[in-house]
Amino acid sequence: MNENTAATNVVRHDAESVAATFPALLVEARRVAQTVSSGLHGRKRAGPGETFWQHRPYAFGDPVSIIDWRQSARIADRLYVRENEWEIAAAVYLWRDPSRSLDFSSSKDTPTKRRRADVLATALSILLSEAGERIGLLGEERRLFHGRNAPMRLLEALHIGDFENENAPPGAVHLQAGASVVLMSDFYTEESEITSAVINYASQGANGVLLQLCDFAEEEFPFEGRTQFLDPEGSDKLIFGETVKLAKNYHSAFAAHRDALRNIAEKAGWTFISHRTDKPPQTALLALYNALADARSWNI
């Protein structure tokens, strides 16, 4: 077997492994989205559009042209107007940390942070596309997906089998007016880089969400005795003999990091959401969906 053949086989094997995860991930995302969708009342409101929404009694000042004479004829002494749904297709830009930092799970019973992020990104795109909105990826801001095929196209664009070394958010990008931004990461990077990215997006008028993904072990630090810690983004490792003695300082540092992220979001008028991978994805998806129109802090 020559080198070209060996290299081709490796690429084909990797491609098949990635492709095999697509159906399962998409099915999981659709299940999560359907659970949340059944509990939503929708984002419809009256305004200019072509899709009928509701009838309501005629009020002083309403133009005669919107009176529904057929509906009014069914009820004596009352005029009704026909309201259409306000069709406004906003652009929502997603960024999922592409680094190895998310490729971590402390238990075989919980997904990696990367897997949960991909499921949430795809499920959110399902809800948004059903609401008539457009979805894009930061870094590819000229490429917007919409319609029934949007979730699959976004999933393909995520390149779920590829990793990068840097987990800093994308640099300065030009966003459409009225856009929203969702950043998904554990944000184990310099706070200045996160702040710079958020300021750039917010200065363009973008509403946004910081979704912090963490594993049970990262938040609880349930270690005792001699423990070896490996860096998922490199070959570094640390060995501690009495790990339990580190717990107090670790919890303080972890809480400070989370508070810093919350402050970054709040200063920009954004929403901060913290989600642990051992908890149901539906809670994070519902918070994400609602946060695009309502700025508040969630811990789920």
C-alpha atoms as a PDB file:
ATOM      1  CA  MET A   1       0.000   0.000   0.000  1.00  0.00           C
ATOM      2  CA  ASN A   2       1.548   3.336  -1.076  1.00  0.00           C
ATOM      3  CA  GLU A   3       1.379   6.564   0.927  1.00  0.00           C
ATOM      4  CA  ASN A   4      -1.420   8.079  -1.187  1.00  0.00           C
ATOM      5  CA  THR A   5      -3.610   5.034  -0.717  1.00  0.00           C
ATOM      6  CA  ALA A   6      -2.971   4.992   3.039  1.00  0.00           C
ATOM      7  CA  ALA A   7      -3.755   8.697   3.329  1.00  0.00           C
ATOM      8  CA  THR A   8      -6.928   8.260   1.285  1.00  0.00           C
ATOM      9  CA  ASN A   9      -8.090   5.416   3.510  1.00  0.00           C
ATOM     10  CA  VAL A  10      -7.520   7.506   6.631  1.00  0.00           C
ATOM     11  CA  VAL A  11      -9.499  10.421   5.200  1.00  0.00           C
ATOM     12  CA  ARG A  12     -12.300   8.119   4.063  1.00  0.00           C
ATOM     13  CA  HIS A  13     -12.469   6.461   7.476  1.00  0.00           C
ATOM     14  CA  ASP A  14     -12.616   9.822   9.230  1.00  0.00           C
ATOM     15  CA  ALA A  15     -15.262  11.089   6.812  1.00  0.00           C
ATOM     16  CA  GLU A  16     -17.406   7.992   7.306  1.00  0.00           C
ATOM     17  CA  SER A  17     -17.115   8.318  11.087  1.00  0.00           C
ATOM     18  CA  VAL A  18     -18.290  11.923  10.958  1.00  0.00           C
ATOM     19  CA  ALA A  19     -21.092  11.174   8.492  1.00  0.00           C
ATOM     20  CA  ALA A  20     -22.337   8.361  10.721  1.00  0.00           C
ATOM     21  CA  THR A  21     -22.961  10.828  13.546  1.00  0.00           C
ATOM     22  CA  PHE A  22     -25.130  13.119  11.408  1.00  0.00           C
ATOM     23  CA  PRO A  23     -28.408  11.150  11.486  1.00  0.00           C
ATOM     24  CA  ALA A  24     -28.210  10.416  15.213  1.00  0.00           C
ATOM     25  CA  LEU A  25     -27.332  14.003  16.092  1.00  0.00           C
ATOM     26  CA  LEU A  26     -30.069  15.396  13.857  1.00  0.00           C
ATOM     27  CA  VAL A  27     -32.653  13.019  15.322  1.00  0.00           C
ATOM     28  CA  GLU A  28     -31.621  14.039  18.829  1.00  0.00           C
ATOM     29  CA  ALA A  29     -31.798  17.723  17.908  1.00  0.00           C
ATOM     30  CA  ARG A  30     -35.260  17.321  16.384  1.00  0.00           C
ATOM     31  CA  ARG A  31     -36.499  15.490  19.480  1.00  0.00           C
ATOM     32  CA  VAL A  32     -35.197  18.248  21.730  1.00  0.00           C
ATOM     33  CA  ALA A  33     -36.687  20.940  19.482  1.00  0.00           C
ATOM     34  CA  GLN A  34     -40.085  19.239  19.305  1.00  0.00           C
ATOM     35  CA  THR A  35     -40.287  18.996  23.093  1.00  0.00           C
ATOM     36  CA  VAL A  36     -39.610  22.704  23.447  1.00  0.00           C
ATOM     37  CA  SER A  37     -41.772  23.690  20.478  1.00  0.00           C
ATOM     38  CA  SER A  38     -44.832  22.027  21.999  1.00  0.00           C
ATOM     39  CA  GLY A  39     -44.546  24.340  24.991  1.00  0.00           C
ATOM     40  CA  LEU A  40     -44.047  27.562  23.077  1.00  0.00           C
ATOM     41  CA  HIS A  41     -46.795  30.003  22.217  1.00  0.00           C
ATOM     42  CA  GLY A  42     -44.878  31.238  19.228  1.00  0.00           C
ATOM     43  CA  ARG A  43     -43.440  34.618  18.377  1.00  0.00           C
ATOM     44  CA  LYS A  44     -46.257  35.804  16.147  1.00  0.00           C
ATOM     45  CA  ARG A  45     -47.602  39.319  16.358  1.00  0.00           C
ATOM     46  CA  ALA A  46     -49.772  41.546  14.196  1.00  0.00           C
ATOM     47  CA  GLY A  47     -48.139  43.537  11.449  1.00  0.00           C
ATOM     48  CA  PRO A  48     -47.422  43.692   7.718  1.00  0.00           C
ATOM     49  CA  GLY A  49     -47.431  40.290   6.076  1.00  0.00           C
ATOM     50  CA  GLU A  50     -49.437  37.873   3.956  1.00  0.00           C
ATOM     51  CA  THR A  51     -50.162  35.085   6.439  1.00  0.00           C
ATOM     52  CA  PHE A  52     -53.485  35.309   8.299  1.00  0.00           C
ATOM     53  CA  TRP A  53     -53.152  35.478  12.087  1.00  0.00           C
ATOM     54  CA  GLN A  54     -56.471  36.405  13.707  1.00  0.00           C
ATOM     55  CA  HIS A  55     -59.716  38.385  13.587  1.00  0.00           C
ATOM     56  CA  ARG A  56     -60.417  41.181  16.070  1.00  0.00           C
ATOM     57  CA  PRO A  57     -63.196  43.766  16.512  1.00  0.00           C
ATOM     58  CA  TYR A  58     -62.915  46.911  14.393  1.00  0.00           C
ATOM     59  CA  ALA A  59     -61.517  49.885  16.340  1.00  0.00           C
ATOM     60  CA  PHE A  60     -61.676  53.615  15.647  1.00  0.00           C
ATOM     61  CA  GLY A  61     -58.807  54.564  13.366  1.00  0.00           C
ATOM     62  CA  ASP A  62     -58.529  51.202  11.598  1.00  0.00           C
ATOM     63  CA  PRO A  63     -58.501  51.563   7.785  1.00  0.00           C
ATOM     64  CA  VAL A  64     -61.646  50.367   6.079  1.00  0.00           C
ATOM     65  CA  SER A  65     -59.523  48.252   3.748  1.00  0.00           C
ATOM     66  CA  ILE A  66     -58.714  45.715   6.490  1.00  0.00           C
ATOM     67  CA  ILE A  67     -62.352  45.026   7.427  1.00  0.00           C
ATOM     68  CA  ASP A  68     -63.280  41.406   6.770  1.00  0.00           C
ATOM     69  CA  TRP A  69     -66.837  41.839   5.478  1.00  0.00           C
ATOM     70  CA  ARG A  70     -67.505  38.103   5.265  1.00  0.00           C
ATOM     71  CA  GLN A  71     -66.585  37.549   8.915  1.00  0.00           C
ATOM     72  CA  SER A  72     -68.486  40.698   9.944  1.00  0.00           C
ATOM     73  CA  ALA A  73     -71.652  39.494   8.174  1.00  0.00           C
ATOM     74  CA  ARG A  74     -71.767  36.420  10.414  1.00  0.00           C
ATOM     75  CA  ILE A  75     -72.219  38.507  13.564  1.00  0.00           C
ATOM     76  CA  ALA A  76     -74.820  41.246  13.740  1.00  0.00           C
ATOM     77  CA  ASP A  77     -73.857  44.784  14.734  1.00  0.00           C
ATOM     78  CA  ARG A  78     -70.126  44.115  14.869  1.00  0.00           C
ATOM     79  CA  LEU A  79     -67.339  44.693  12.362  1.00  0.00           C
ATOM     80  CA  TYR A  80     -64.209  42.575  12.360  1.00  0.00           C
ATOM     81  CA  VAL A  81     -60.806  43.251  10.837  1.00  0.00           C
ATOM     82  CA  ARG A  82     -58.386  40.685   9.533  1.00  0.00           C
ATOM     83  CA  GLU A  83     -54.878  40.784  11.020  1.00  0.00           C
ATOM     84  CA  ASN A  84     -51.941  39.167   9.303  1.00  0.00           C
ATOM     85  CA  GLU A  85     -48.803  37.896  10.998  1.00  0.00           C
ATOM     86  CA  TRP A  86     -45.925  40.334  11.095  1.00  0.00           C
ATOM     87  CA  GLU A  87     -43.352  38.674   8.879  1.00  0.00           C
ATOM     88  CA  ILE A  88     -39.920  39.791   9.968  1.00  0.00           C
ATOM     89  CA  ALA A  89     -37.054  37.424   9.203  1.00  0.00           C
ATOM     90  CA  ALA A  90     -34.225  38.221  11.579  1.00  0.00           C
ATOM     91  CA  ALA A  91     -30.719  36.867  11.181  1.00  0.00           C
ATOM     92  CA  VAL A  92     -29.364  34.808  14.084  1.00  0.00           C
ATOM     93  CA  TYR A  93     -25.642  34.053  13.999  1.00  0.00           C
ATOM     94  CA  LEU A  94     -24.243  31.081  15.922  1.00  0.00           C
ATOM     95  CA  TRP A  95     -20.706  30.293  17.016  1.00  0.00           C
ATOM     96  CA  ARG A  96     -19.758  26.979  18.541  1.00  0.00           C
ATOM     97  CA  ASP A  97     -16.263  26.761  20.000  1.00  0.00           C
ATOM     98  CA  PRO A  98     -14.291  24.611  17.505  1.00  0.00           C
ATOM     99  CA  SER A  99     -11.413  23.810  19.882  1.00  0.00           C
ATOM    100  CA  ARG A 100     -10.607  20.579  21.711  1.00  0.00           C
ATOM    101  CA  SER A 101     -11.657  22.228  24.957  1.00  0.00           C
ATOM    102  CA  LEU A 102     -15.259  21.138  24.353  1.00  0.00           C
ATOM    103  CA  ASP A 103     -14.233  17.571  23.527  1.00  0.00           C
ATOM    104  CA  PHE A 104     -14.617  16.473  27.129  1.00  0.00           C
ATOM    105  CA  SER A 105     -16.941  14.405  29.288  1.00  0.00           C
ATOM    106  CA  SER A 106     -16.158  13.103  32.771  1.00  0.00           C
ATOM    107  CA  SER A 107     -18.605  10.229  32.422  1.00  0.00           C
ATOM    108  CA  LYS A 108     -19.693   7.810  29.717  1.00  0.00           C
ATOM    109  CA  ASP A 109     -23.276   8.570  30.730  1.00  0.00           C
ATOM    110  CA  THR A 110     -23.092  12.245  29.707  1.00  0.00           C
ATOM    111  CA  PRO A 111     -22.307  13.750  26.310  1.00  0.00           C
ATOM    112  CA  THR A 112     -19.210  15.782  25.633  1.00  0.00           C
ATOM    113  CA  LYS A 113     -19.630  19.526  25.769  1.00  0.00           C
ATOM    114  CA  ARG A 114     -19.047  19.520  21.997  1.00  0.00           C
ATOM    115  CA  ARG A 115     -21.870  17.056  21.379  1.00  0.00           C
ATOM    116  CA  ARG A 116     -24.292  19.035  23.550  1.00  0.00           C
ATOM    117  CA  ALA A 117     -23.329  22.280  21.801  1.00  0.00           C
ATOM    118  CA  ASP A 118     -23.912  20.744  18.355  1.00  0.00           C
ATOM    119  CA  VAL A 119     -27.295  19.371  19.421  1.00  0.00           C
ATOM    120  CA  LEU A 120     -28.353  22.724  20.849  1.00  0.00           C
ATOM    121  CA  ALA A 121     -27.152  24.655  17.804  1.00  0.00           C
ATOM    122  CA  THR A 122     -29.045  22.339  15.462  1.00  0.00           C
ATOM    123  CA  ALA A 123     -32.178  22.255  17.624  1.00  0.00           C
ATOM    124  CA  LEU A 124     -32.160  26.052  17.863  1.00  0.00           C
ATOM    125  CA  SER A 125     -31.886  26.275  14.089  1.00  0.00           C
ATOM    126  CA  ILE A 126     -34.956  24.009  13.817  1.00  0.00           C
ATOM    127  CA  LEU A 127     -37.028  26.318  16.020  1.00  0.00           C
ATOM    128  CA  LEU A 128     -35.770  29.467  14.316  1.00  0.00           C
ATOM    129  CA  SER A 129     -36.291  28.166  10.794  1.00  0.00           C
ATOM    130  CA  GLU A 130     -39.842  27.120  11.693  1.00  0.00           C
ATOM    131  CA  ALA A 131     -40.378  30.700  12.910  1.00  0.00           C
ATOM    132  CA  GLY A 132     -39.267  31.970   9.496  1.00  0.00           C
ATOM    133  CA  GLU A 133     -35.920  33.339  10.639  1.00  0.00           C
ATOM    134  CA  ARG A 134     -32.536  32.981   9.010  1.00  0.00           C
ATOM    135  CA  ILE A 135     -29.545  31.310  10.642  1.00  0.00           C
ATOM    136  CA  GLY A 136     -25.866  31.781   9.954  1.00  0.00           C
ATOM    137  CA  LEU A 137     -22.467  30.977  11.437  1.00  0.00           C
ATOM    138  CA  LEU A 138     -20.107  33.667  12.639  1.00  0.00           C
ATOM    139  CA  GLY A 139     -17.114  33.729  10.364  1.00  0.00           C
ATOM    140  CA  GLU A 140     -19.404  32.871   7.453  1.00  0.00           C
ATOM    141  CA  GLU A 141     -21.743  35.815   7.931  1.00  0.00           C
ATOM    142  CA  ARG A 142     -22.637  36.053   4.241  1.00  0.00           C
ATOM    143  CA  ARG A 143     -24.021  32.534   4.269  1.00  0.00           C
ATOM    144  CA  LEU A 144     -27.508  32.434   5.790  1.00  0.00           C
ATOM    145  CA  PHE A 145     -29.718  29.349   5.959  1.00  0.00           C
ATOM    146  CA  HIS A 146     -33.505  29.391   5.969  1.00  0.00           C
ATOM    147  CA  GLY A 147     -36.398  27.070   5.312  1.00  0.00           C
ATOM    148  CA  ARG A 148     -36.868  23.401   6.096  1.00  0.00           C
ATOM    149  CA  ASN A 149     -33.327  22.432   5.037  1.00  0.00           C
ATOM    150  CA  ALA A 150     -31.654  25.034   7.271  1.00  0.00           C
ATOM    151  CA  PRO A 151     -30.885  22.653  10.190  1.00  0.00           C
ATOM    152  CA  MET A 152     -29.101  20.108   7.989  1.00  0.00           C
ATOM    153  CA  ARG A 153     -27.160  22.793   6.135  1.00  0.00           C
ATOM    154  CA  LEU A 154     -26.098  24.382   9.405  1.00  0.00           C
ATOM    155  CA  LEU A 155     -25.072  21.007  10.813  1.00  0.00           C
ATOM    156  CA  GLU A 156     -22.927  20.393   7.745  1.00  0.00           C
ATOM    157  CA  ALA A 157     -21.342  23.838   8.071  1.00  0.00           C
ATOM    158  CA  LEU A 158     -20.428  23.145  11.716  1.00  0.00           C
ATOM    159  CA  HIS A 159     -17.902  20.482  10.599  1.00  0.00           C
ATOM    160  CA  ILE A 160     -18.586  18.437  13.711  1.00  0.00           C
ATOM    161  CA  GLY A 161     -15.566  16.194  13.162  1.00  0.00           C
ATOM    162  CA  ASP A 162     -13.031  19.020  12.864  1.00  0.00           C
ATOM    163  CA  PHE A 163     -11.184  20.805  15.655  1.00  0.00           C
ATOM    164  CA  GLU A 164      -9.108  23.970  15.880  1.00  0.00           C
ATOM    165  CA  ASN A 165      -6.491  24.945  18.433  1.00  0.00           C
ATOM    166  CA  GLU A 166      -7.902  28.347  19.321  1.00  0.00           C
ATOM    167  CA  ASN A 167     -11.219  28.721  21.147  1.00  0.00           C
ATOM    168  CA  ALA A 168     -11.378  32.524  21.069  1.00  0.00           C
ATOM    169  CA  PRO A 169     -14.565  33.880  19.451  1.00  0.00           C
ATOM    170  CA  PRO A 170     -14.271  35.119  15.853  1.00  0.00           C
ATOM    171  CA  GLY A 171     -12.793  38.563  15.354  1.00  0.00           C
ATOM    172  CA  ALA A 172     -14.566  41.633  14.030  1.00  0.00           C
ATOM    173  CA  VAL A 173     -17.302  40.735  11.571  1.00  0.00           C
ATOM    174  CA  HIS A 174     -20.009  42.811   9.917  1.00  0.00           C
ATOM    175  CA  LEU A 175     -23.520  41.836  10.997  1.00  0.00           C
ATOM    176  CA  GLN A 176     -26.874  42.730   9.490  1.00  0.00           C
ATOM    177  CA  ALA A 177     -28.944  45.327  11.302  1.00  0.00           C
ATOM    178  CA  GLY A 178     -31.107  43.780  14.010  1.00  0.00           C
ATOM    179  CA  ALA A 179     -29.103  40.553  14.104  1.00  0.00           C
ATOM    180  CA  SER A 180     -28.726  38.307  17.142  1.00  0.00           C
ATOM    181  CA  VAL A 181     -25.608  36.376  18.159  1.00  0.00           C
ATOM    182  CA  VAL A 182     -25.264  33.164  20.179  1.00  0.00           C
ATOM    183  CA  LEU A 183     -21.790  32.173  21.404  1.00  0.00           C
ATOM    184  CA  MET A 184     -21.460  28.584  22.695  1.00  0.00           C
ATOM    185  CA  SER A 185     -18.320  27.626  24.609  1.00  0.00           C
ATOM    186  CA  ASP A 186     -16.828  26.862  27.995  1.00  0.00           C
ATOM    187  CA  PHE A 187     -14.993  30.165  27.481  1.00  0.00           C
ATOM    188  CA  TYR A 188     -11.704  28.900  28.910  1.00  0.00           C
ATOM    189  CA  THR A 189      -9.828  31.706  27.225  1.00  0.00           C
ATOM    190  CA  GLU A 190      -8.729  35.250  27.963  1.00  0.00           C
ATOM    191  CA  GLU A 191     -11.607  37.389  29.229  1.00  0.00           C
ATOM    192  CA  SER A 192     -10.306  40.281  27.121  1.00  0.00           C
ATOM    193  CA  GLU A 193     -10.886  38.259  23.943  1.00  0.00           C
ATOM    194  CA  ILE A 194     -14.466  37.475  24.941  1.00  0.00           C
ATOM    195  CA  THR A 195     -15.093  41.095  25.906  1.00  0.00           C
ATOM    196  CA  SER A 196     -13.658  42.372  22.619  1.00  0.00           C
ATOM    197  CA  ALA A 197     -15.867  40.061  20.571  1.00  0.00           C
ATOM    198  CA  VAL A 198     -19.025  40.921  22.501  1.00  0.00           C
ATOM    199  CA  ILE A 199     -18.333  44.667  22.278  1.00  0.00           C
ATOM    200  CA  ASN A 200     -17.844  44.366  18.528  1.00  0.00           C
ATOM    201  CA  TYR A 201     -21.156  42.598  18.012  1.00  0.00           C
ATOM    202  CA  ALA A 202     -23.098  44.739  20.479  1.00  0.00           C
ATOM    203  CA  SER A 203     -21.756  47.957  18.934  1.00  0.00           C
ATOM    204  CA  GLN A 204     -23.482  46.922  15.720  1.00  0.00           C
ATOM    205  CA  GLY A 205     -26.777  46.698  17.584  1.00  0.00           C
ATOM    206  CA  ALA A 206     -26.767  42.927  17.935  1.00  0.00           C
ATOM    207  CA  ASN A 207     -28.629  41.296  20.808  1.00  0.00           C
ATOM    208  CA  GLY A 208     -26.796  38.239  22.036  1.00  0.00           C
ATOM    209  CA  VAL A 209     -26.345  35.263  24.315  1.00  0.00           C
ATOM    210  CA  LEU A 210     -23.300  33.770  26.000  1.00  0.00           C
ATOM    211  CA  LEU A 211     -23.963  30.057  26.572  1.00  0.00           C
ATOM    212  CA  GLN A 212     -21.413  28.568  28.948  1.00  0.00           C
ATOM    213  CA  LEU A 213     -21.209  24.769  28.684  1.00  0.00           C
ATOM    214  CA  CYS A 214     -19.663  22.845  31.527  1.00  0.00           C
ATOM    215  CA  ASP A 215     -19.310  19.268  32.698  1.00  0.00           C
ATOM    216  CA  PHE A 216     -20.418  18.023  36.117  1.00  0.00           C
ATOM    217  CA  ALA A 217     -16.812  17.469  37.189  1.00  0.00           C
ATOM    218  CA  GLU A 218     -15.784  20.951  36.103  1.00  0.00           C
ATOM    219  CA  GLU A 219     -18.368  22.553  38.342  1.00  0.00           C
ATOM    220  CA  GLU A 220     -18.374  20.163  41.310  1.00  0.00           C
ATOM    221  CA  PHE A 221     -14.677  19.113  41.329  1.00  0.00           C
ATOM    222  CA  PRO A 222     -15.435  15.696  42.920  1.00  0.00           C
ATOM    223  CA  PHE A 223     -11.823  14.536  43.067  1.00  0.00           C
ATOM    224  CA  GLU A 224      -9.977  12.994  45.994  1.00  0.00           C
ATOM    225  CA  GLY A 225      -6.531  11.540  46.498  1.00  0.00           C
ATOM    226  CA  ARG A 226      -3.888  11.314  43.803  1.00  0.00           C
ATOM    227  CA  THR A 227      -5.337  12.565  40.488  1.00  0.00           C
ATOM    228  CA  GLN A 228      -3.840  13.254  37.087  1.00  0.00           C
ATOM    229  CA  PHE A 229      -5.333  16.063  34.969  1.00  0.00           C
ATOM    230  CA  LEU A 230      -4.806  16.163  31.198  1.00  0.00           C
ATOM    231  CA  ASP A 231      -5.085  19.170  28.921  1.00  0.00           C
ATOM    232  CA  PRO A 232      -7.590  18.277  26.135  1.00  0.00           C
ATOM    233  CA  GLU A 233      -5.983  20.880  23.874  1.00  0.00           C
ATOM    234  CA  GLY A 234      -2.417  19.672  24.286  1.00  0.00           C
ATOM    235  CA  SER A 235      -0.092  17.156  25.919  1.00  0.00           C
ATOM    236  CA  ASP A 236       0.278  18.946  29.247  1.00  0.00           C
ATOM    237  CA  LYS A 237      -0.623  17.069  32.407  1.00  0.00           C
ATOM    238  CA  LEU A 238      -0.629  17.777  36.127  1.00  0.00           C
ATOM    239  CA  ILE A 239      -0.555  15.274  38.993  1.00  0.00           C
ATOM    240  CA  PHE A 240      -1.752  16.184  42.485  1.00  0.00           C
ATOM    241  CA  GLY A 241      -1.396  13.946  45.534  1.00  0.00           C
ATOM    242  CA  GLU A 242      -4.073  15.507  47.728  1.00  0.00           C
ATOM    243  CA  THR A 243      -6.620  16.788  45.249  1.00  0.00           C
ATOM    244  CA  VAL A 244      -9.284  17.401  47.859  1.00  0.00           C
ATOM    245  CA  LYS A 245      -7.186  20.266  49.254  1.00  0.00           C
ATOM    246  CA  LEU A 246      -7.610  22.113  45.953  1.00  0.00           C
ATOM    247  CA  ALA A 247     -11.399  22.069  46.022  1.00  0.00           C
ATOM    248  CA  LYS A 248     -11.975  25.347  47.867  1.00  0.00           C
ATOM    249  CA  ASN A 249      -9.632  27.385  45.672  1.00  0.00           C
ATOM    250  CA  TYR A 250     -10.951  25.691  42.556  1.00  0.00           C
ATOM    251  CA  HIS A 251     -14.583  26.477  43.398  1.00  0.00           C
ATOM    252  CA  SER A 252     -13.662  30.126  44.027  1.00  0.00           C
ATOM    253  CA  ALA A 253     -11.838  30.377  40.686  1.00  0.00           C
ATOM    254  CA  PHE A 254     -14.670  28.675  38.810  1.00  0.00           C
ATOM    255  CA  ALA A 255     -17.280  30.977  40.363  1.00  0.00           C
ATOM    256  CA  ALA A 256     -15.153  34.039  39.558  1.00  0.00           C
ATOM    257  CA  HIS A 257     -14.872  32.927  35.933  1.00  0.00           C
ATOM    258  CA  ARG A 258     -18.634  32.506  35.664  1.00  0.00           C
ATOM    259  CA  ASP A 259     -19.265  35.881  37.291  1.00  0.00           C
ATOM    260  CA  ALA A 260     -16.884  37.500  34.805  1.00  0.00           C
ATOM    261  CA  LEU A 261     -18.818  36.007  31.894  1.00  0.00           C
ATOM    262  CA  ARG A 262     -22.097  37.194  33.405  1.00  0.00           C
ATOM    263  CA  ASN A 263     -20.695  40.711  33.783  1.00  0.00           C
ATOM    264  CA  ILE A 264     -19.465  40.778  30.194  1.00  0.00           C
ATOM    265  CA  ALA A 265     -22.940  39.834  28.990  1.00  0.00           C
ATOM    266  CA  GLU A 266     -24.782  42.246  31.272  1.00  0.00           C
ATOM    267  CA  LYS A 267     -22.616  45.233  30.317  1.00  0.00           C
ATOM    268  CA  ALA A 268     -23.510  44.636  26.672  1.00  0.00           C
ATOM    269  CA  GLY A 269     -27.199  44.115  27.443  1.00  0.00           C
ATOM    270  CA  TRP A 270     -26.847  40.451  26.514  1.00  0.00           C
ATOM    271  CA  THR A 271     -28.062  37.272  28.203  1.00  0.00           C
ATOM    272  CA  PHE A 272     -25.840  34.855  30.089  1.00  0.00           C
ATOM    273  CA  ILE A 273     -26.818  31.169  30.299  1.00  0.00           C
ATOM    274  CA  SER A 274     -24.860  28.482  32.113  1.00  0.00           C
ATOM    275  CA  HIS A 275     -25.698  24.896  31.154  1.00  0.00           C
ATOM    276  CA  ARG A 276     -24.345  21.643  32.538  1.00  0.00           C
ATOM    277  CA  THR A 277     -24.217  18.636  30.227  1.00  0.00           C
ATOM    278  CA  ASP A 278     -25.725  16.251  32.797  1.00  0.00           C
ATOM    279  CA  LYS A 279     -28.946  18.277  32.725  1.00  0.00           C
ATOM    280  CA  PRO A 280     -31.708  18.084  30.057  1.00  0.00           C
ATOM    281  CA  PRO A 281     -30.858  19.940  26.830  1.00  0.00           C
ATOM    282  CA  GLN A 282     -34.469  21.158  26.573  1.00  0.00           C
ATOM    283  CA  THR A 283     -33.930  23.588  29.447  1.00  0.00           C
ATOM    284  CA  ALA A 284     -31.002  25.236  27.689  1.00  0.00           C
ATOM    285  CA  LEU A 285     -32.805  25.306  24.340  1.00  0.00           C
ATOM    286  CA  LEU A 286     -35.875  27.001  25.806  1.00  0.00           C
ATOM    287  CA  ALA A 287     -33.682  29.567  27.563  1.00  0.00           C
ATOM    288  CA  LEU A 288     -31.759  30.214  24.352  1.00  0.00           C
ATOM    289  CA  TYR A 289     -34.893  30.640  22.276  1.00  0.00           C
ATOM    290  CA  ASN A 290     -36.524  33.019  24.755  1.00  0.00           C
ATOM    291  CA  ALA A 291     -33.294  34.920  25.386  1.00  0.00           C
ATOM    292  CA  LEU A 292     -33.128  36.052  21.774  1.00  0.00           C
ATOM    293  CA  ALA A 293     -36.025  38.349  22.601  1.00  0.00           C
ATOM    294  CA  ASP A 294     -35.598  38.772  26.353  1.00  0.00           C
ATOM    295  CA  ALA A 295     -32.339  39.647  28.134  1.00  0.00           C
ATOM    296  CA  ARG A 296     -31.947  37.912  31.489  1.00  0.00           C
ATOM    297  CA  SER A 297     -29.581  35.509  33.267  1.00  0.00           C
ATOM    298  CA  TRP A 298     -30.216  31.762  33.496  1.00  0.00           C
ATOM    299  CA  ASN A 299     -28.401  28.995  35.373  1.00  0.00           C
ATOM    300  CA  ILE A 300     -29.667  25.633  34.139  1.00  0.00           C
END
